[in-house]
């Protein structure tokens, strides 16, 4: 199986399992990921993400229109007694 075939075989369910495994450091059956497995899962997650629109990728943060939104002006604090 070549690289493209491997990526084509990754389903959304497998992708989510890879993400969860990297997040918690374990496979769904409780076995720990080795450093090599973690690295390979990360590579698969990144490669899979590259095939999707940017807004659907892991960790995507949409750009802001400006550094400060107009409604974020400082407001006075209200103290409750």
N, C-alpha and C. Protein backbone atom coordinates (compact mmCIF):
# COMPACT_ATOMS: atom_id res chain seq x y z
N UNK A 1 0.85 -1.18 0.00
CA UNK A 1 0.00 0.00 0.00
C UNK A 1 0.89 1.23 0.00
N UNK A 2 0.63 2.14 -0.92
CA UNK A 2 1.44 3.36 -0.96
C UNK A 2 0.79 4.44 -0.09
N UNK A 3 1.46 5.57 0.00
CA UNK A 3 1.06 6.67 0.88
C UNK A 3 -0.35 7.16 0.55
N UNK A 4 -0.65 7.37 -0.73
CA UNK A 4 -1.97 7.87 -1.15
C UNK A 4 -3.07 6.87 -0.79
N UNK A 5 -2.82 5.58 -1.02
CA UNK A 5 -3.81 4.57 -0.69
C UNK A 5 -4.04 4.53 0.83
N UNK A 6 -2.98 4.69 1.57
CA UNK A 6 -3.10 4.70 3.02
C UNK A 6 -3.98 5.87 3.48
N UNK A 7 -3.74 7.06 2.93
CA UNK A 7 -4.55 8.22 3.29
C UNK A 7 -6.00 8.04 2.86
N UNK A 8 -6.20 7.42 1.69
CA UNK A 8 -7.56 7.19 1.20
C UNK A 8 -8.32 6.22 2.10
N UNK A 9 -7.60 5.36 2.81
CA UNK A 9 -8.25 4.37 3.67
C UNK A 9 -8.63 4.93 5.04
N UNK A 10 -8.19 6.14 5.36
CA UNK A 10 -8.52 6.74 6.66
C UNK A 10 -9.93 7.31 6.59
N UNK A 11 -10.80 6.75 7.40
CA UNK A 11 -12.18 7.23 7.47
C UNK A 11 -12.28 8.30 8.55
N UNK A 12 -13.36 9.06 8.57
CA UNK A 12 -13.53 10.03 9.65
C UNK A 12 -13.49 9.39 11.04
N UNK A 13 -13.98 8.15 11.16
CA UNK A 13 -13.96 7.46 12.44
C UNK A 13 -12.52 7.13 12.87
N UNK A 14 -11.73 6.67 11.93
CA UNK A 14 -10.32 6.36 12.22
C UNK A 14 -9.58 7.65 12.59
N UNK A 15 -9.84 8.71 11.85
CA UNK A 15 -9.25 10.02 12.12
C UNK A 15 -9.56 10.45 13.56
N UNK A 16 -10.82 10.31 13.98
CA UNK A 16 -11.20 10.69 15.34
C UNK A 16 -10.52 9.81 16.38
N UNK A 17 -10.35 8.52 16.07
CA UNK A 17 -9.65 7.62 17.00
C UNK A 17 -8.19 8.02 17.14
N UNK A 18 -7.56 8.40 16.02
CA UNK A 18 -6.17 8.86 16.07
C UNK A 18 -6.08 10.12 16.93
N UNK A 19 -6.99 11.05 16.72
CA UNK A 19 -6.97 12.29 17.51
C UNK A 19 -7.11 11.98 19.00
N UNK A 20 -8.06 11.14 19.35
CA UNK A 20 -8.29 10.81 20.77
C UNK A 20 -7.09 10.07 21.36
N UNK A 21 -6.51 9.15 20.56
CA UNK A 21 -5.36 8.40 21.04
C UNK A 21 -4.18 9.33 21.33
N UNK A 22 -3.94 10.28 20.46
CA UNK A 22 -2.84 11.23 20.68
C UNK A 22 -3.16 12.12 21.88
N UNK A 23 -4.42 12.51 22.00
CA UNK A 23 -4.83 13.39 23.10
C UNK A 23 -4.62 12.74 24.47
N UNK A 24 -5.03 11.47 24.61
CA UNK A 24 -4.94 10.83 25.93
C UNK A 24 -3.75 9.89 26.06
N UNK A 25 -3.06 9.62 24.93
CA UNK A 25 -1.88 8.77 24.98
C UNK A 25 -2.17 7.29 25.04
N UNK A 26 -3.43 6.92 24.73
CA UNK A 26 -3.83 5.51 24.78
C UNK A 26 -4.75 5.18 23.61
N UNK A 27 -4.74 3.90 23.24
CA UNK A 27 -5.68 3.39 22.25
C UNK A 27 -7.02 3.16 22.94
N UNK A 28 -8.10 3.01 22.16
CA UNK A 28 -9.42 2.77 22.79
C UNK A 28 -9.44 1.56 23.72
N UNK A 29 -8.58 0.56 23.49
CA UNK A 29 -8.57 -0.62 24.37
C UNK A 29 -7.71 -0.44 25.62
N UNK A 30 -7.14 0.76 25.81
CA UNK A 30 -6.37 1.07 27.01
C UNK A 30 -4.87 0.93 26.89
N UNK A 31 -4.38 0.33 25.79
CA UNK A 31 -2.92 0.21 25.63
C UNK A 31 -2.33 1.59 25.34
N UNK A 32 -1.15 1.83 25.91
CA UNK A 32 -0.48 3.11 25.70
C UNK A 32 0.14 3.20 24.32
N UNK A 33 0.15 4.42 23.75
CA UNK A 33 0.81 4.66 22.47
C UNK A 33 2.31 4.75 22.70
N UNK A 34 3.07 4.13 21.83
CA UNK A 34 4.52 4.32 21.88
C UNK A 34 4.82 5.67 21.24
N UNK A 35 6.03 6.16 21.42
CA UNK A 35 6.41 7.43 20.80
C UNK A 35 6.30 7.34 19.27
N UNK A 36 6.66 6.19 18.71
CA UNK A 36 6.57 6.00 17.26
C UNK A 36 5.11 6.03 16.81
N UNK A 37 4.23 5.37 17.55
CA UNK A 37 2.81 5.38 17.20
C UNK A 37 2.23 6.78 17.30
N UNK A 38 2.62 7.51 18.34
CA UNK A 38 2.14 8.88 18.49
C UNK A 38 2.59 9.74 17.31
N UNK A 39 3.84 9.59 16.91
CA UNK A 39 4.37 10.34 15.77
C UNK A 39 3.63 9.98 14.48
N UNK A 40 3.40 8.69 14.26
CA UNK A 40 2.69 8.27 13.05
C UNK A 40 1.24 8.75 13.05
N UNK A 41 0.59 8.70 14.20
CA UNK A 41 -0.78 9.21 14.29
C UNK A 41 -0.83 10.70 14.00
N UNK A 42 0.12 11.45 14.54
CA UNK A 42 0.17 12.89 14.27
C UNK A 42 0.36 13.16 12.78
N UNK A 43 1.25 12.41 12.15
CA UNK A 43 1.46 12.57 10.72
C UNK A 43 0.19 12.27 9.93
N UNK A 44 -0.53 11.22 10.33
CA UNK A 44 -1.78 10.86 9.66
C UNK A 44 -2.84 11.94 9.86
N UNK A 45 -2.92 12.49 11.07
CA UNK A 45 -3.88 13.56 11.36
C UNK A 45 -3.59 14.78 10.49
N UNK A 46 -2.34 15.17 10.41
CA UNK A 46 -1.95 16.34 9.62
C UNK A 46 -2.22 16.09 8.14
N UNK A 47 -1.85 14.92 7.63
CA UNK A 47 -2.07 14.60 6.22
C UNK A 47 -3.56 14.56 5.91
N UNK A 48 -4.35 13.98 6.79
CA UNK A 48 -5.80 13.91 6.60
C UNK A 48 -6.39 15.32 6.59
N UNK A 49 -5.94 16.16 7.53
CA UNK A 49 -6.42 17.54 7.60
C UNK A 49 -6.13 18.31 6.32
N UNK A 50 -4.99 18.07 5.71
CA UNK A 50 -4.60 18.79 4.50
C UNK A 50 -5.56 18.52 3.35
N UNK A 51 -6.32 17.46 3.42
CA UNK A 51 -7.26 17.11 2.36
C UNK A 51 -8.61 17.79 2.56
N UNK A 52 -8.79 18.48 3.67
CA UNK A 52 -10.05 19.14 3.99
C UNK A 52 -9.90 20.65 3.89
N UNK A 53 -11.03 21.36 3.77
CA UNK A 53 -10.95 22.83 3.77
C UNK A 53 -10.29 23.34 5.05
N UNK A 54 -9.62 24.45 4.95
CA UNK A 54 -8.86 24.99 6.08
C UNK A 54 -9.71 25.15 7.34
N UNK A 55 -10.95 25.59 7.20
CA UNK A 55 -11.81 25.83 8.36
C UNK A 55 -12.17 24.53 9.08
N UNK A 56 -12.04 23.38 8.44
CA UNK A 56 -12.37 22.09 9.05
C UNK A 56 -11.18 21.41 9.69
N UNK A 57 -10.02 22.01 9.63
CA UNK A 57 -8.80 21.38 10.13
C UNK A 57 -8.66 21.50 11.64
N UNK A 58 -7.95 20.54 12.22
CA UNK A 58 -7.68 20.56 13.65
C UNK A 58 -6.92 21.82 14.03
N UNK A 59 -7.39 22.50 15.06
CA UNK A 59 -6.70 23.68 15.56
C UNK A 59 -6.93 24.95 14.78
N UNK A 60 -7.83 24.94 13.79
CA UNK A 60 -8.06 26.13 12.97
C UNK A 60 -8.70 27.23 13.81
N UNK A 61 -8.14 28.42 13.71
CA UNK A 61 -8.70 29.60 14.35
C UNK A 61 -8.93 30.63 13.25
N UNK A 62 -10.19 31.03 13.03
CA UNK A 62 -10.44 31.98 11.95
C UNK A 62 -9.79 33.33 12.23
N UNK A 63 -9.33 33.99 11.18
CA UNK A 63 -8.69 35.29 11.38
C UNK A 63 -9.72 36.33 11.83
N UNK A 64 -9.24 37.28 12.61
CA UNK A 64 -10.09 38.38 13.04
C UNK A 64 -10.07 39.47 11.99
N UNK A 65 -11.15 40.26 11.92
CA UNK A 65 -11.20 41.38 10.98
C UNK A 65 -10.23 42.47 11.39
N UNK A 66 -10.09 42.67 12.69
CA UNK A 66 -9.16 43.67 13.19
C UNK A 66 -8.60 43.17 14.52
N UNK A 67 -7.57 43.81 14.97
CA UNK A 67 -6.95 43.40 16.23
C UNK A 67 -7.89 43.60 17.40
N UNK A 68 -8.69 44.64 17.35
CA UNK A 68 -9.65 44.93 18.42
C UNK A 68 -11.03 45.09 17.80
N UNK A 69 -11.95 44.28 18.22
CA UNK A 69 -13.31 44.42 17.72
C UNK A 69 -13.93 45.67 18.32
N UNK A 70 -14.81 46.34 17.58
CA UNK A 70 -15.37 47.61 18.06
C UNK A 70 -16.15 47.49 19.37
N UNK A 71 -16.73 46.34 19.67
CA UNK A 71 -17.53 46.21 20.88
C UNK A 71 -16.71 45.74 22.08
N UNK A 72 -15.40 45.77 21.98
CA UNK A 72 -14.56 45.32 23.10
C UNK A 72 -13.94 46.48 23.85
N UNK A 73 -14.60 47.63 23.83
CA UNK A 73 -14.09 48.78 24.57
C UNK A 73 -14.18 48.47 26.07
N UNK A 74 -13.21 48.95 26.84
CA UNK A 74 -13.26 48.70 28.29
C UNK A 74 -14.55 49.24 28.89
N UNK A 75 -15.12 48.48 29.79
CA UNK A 75 -16.34 48.90 30.47
C UNK A 75 -16.03 48.99 31.96
N UNK A 76 -16.68 49.89 32.65
CA UNK A 76 -16.41 50.01 34.09
C UNK A 76 -16.86 48.75 34.82
N UNK A 77 -16.13 48.42 35.85
CA UNK A 77 -16.46 47.25 36.68
C UNK A 77 -17.64 47.60 37.58
N UNK A 78 -18.51 46.63 37.78
CA UNK A 78 -19.63 46.80 38.71
C UNK A 78 -19.38 45.85 39.88
N UNK A 79 -19.28 46.41 41.05
CA UNK A 79 -19.02 45.62 42.24
C UNK A 79 -20.33 45.27 42.93
N UNK A 80 -20.50 43.99 43.23
CA UNK A 80 -21.68 43.57 43.99
C UNK A 80 -21.29 43.44 45.45
N UNK A 81 -22.18 43.90 46.32
CA UNK A 81 -21.92 43.82 47.76
C UNK A 81 -22.63 42.66 48.35
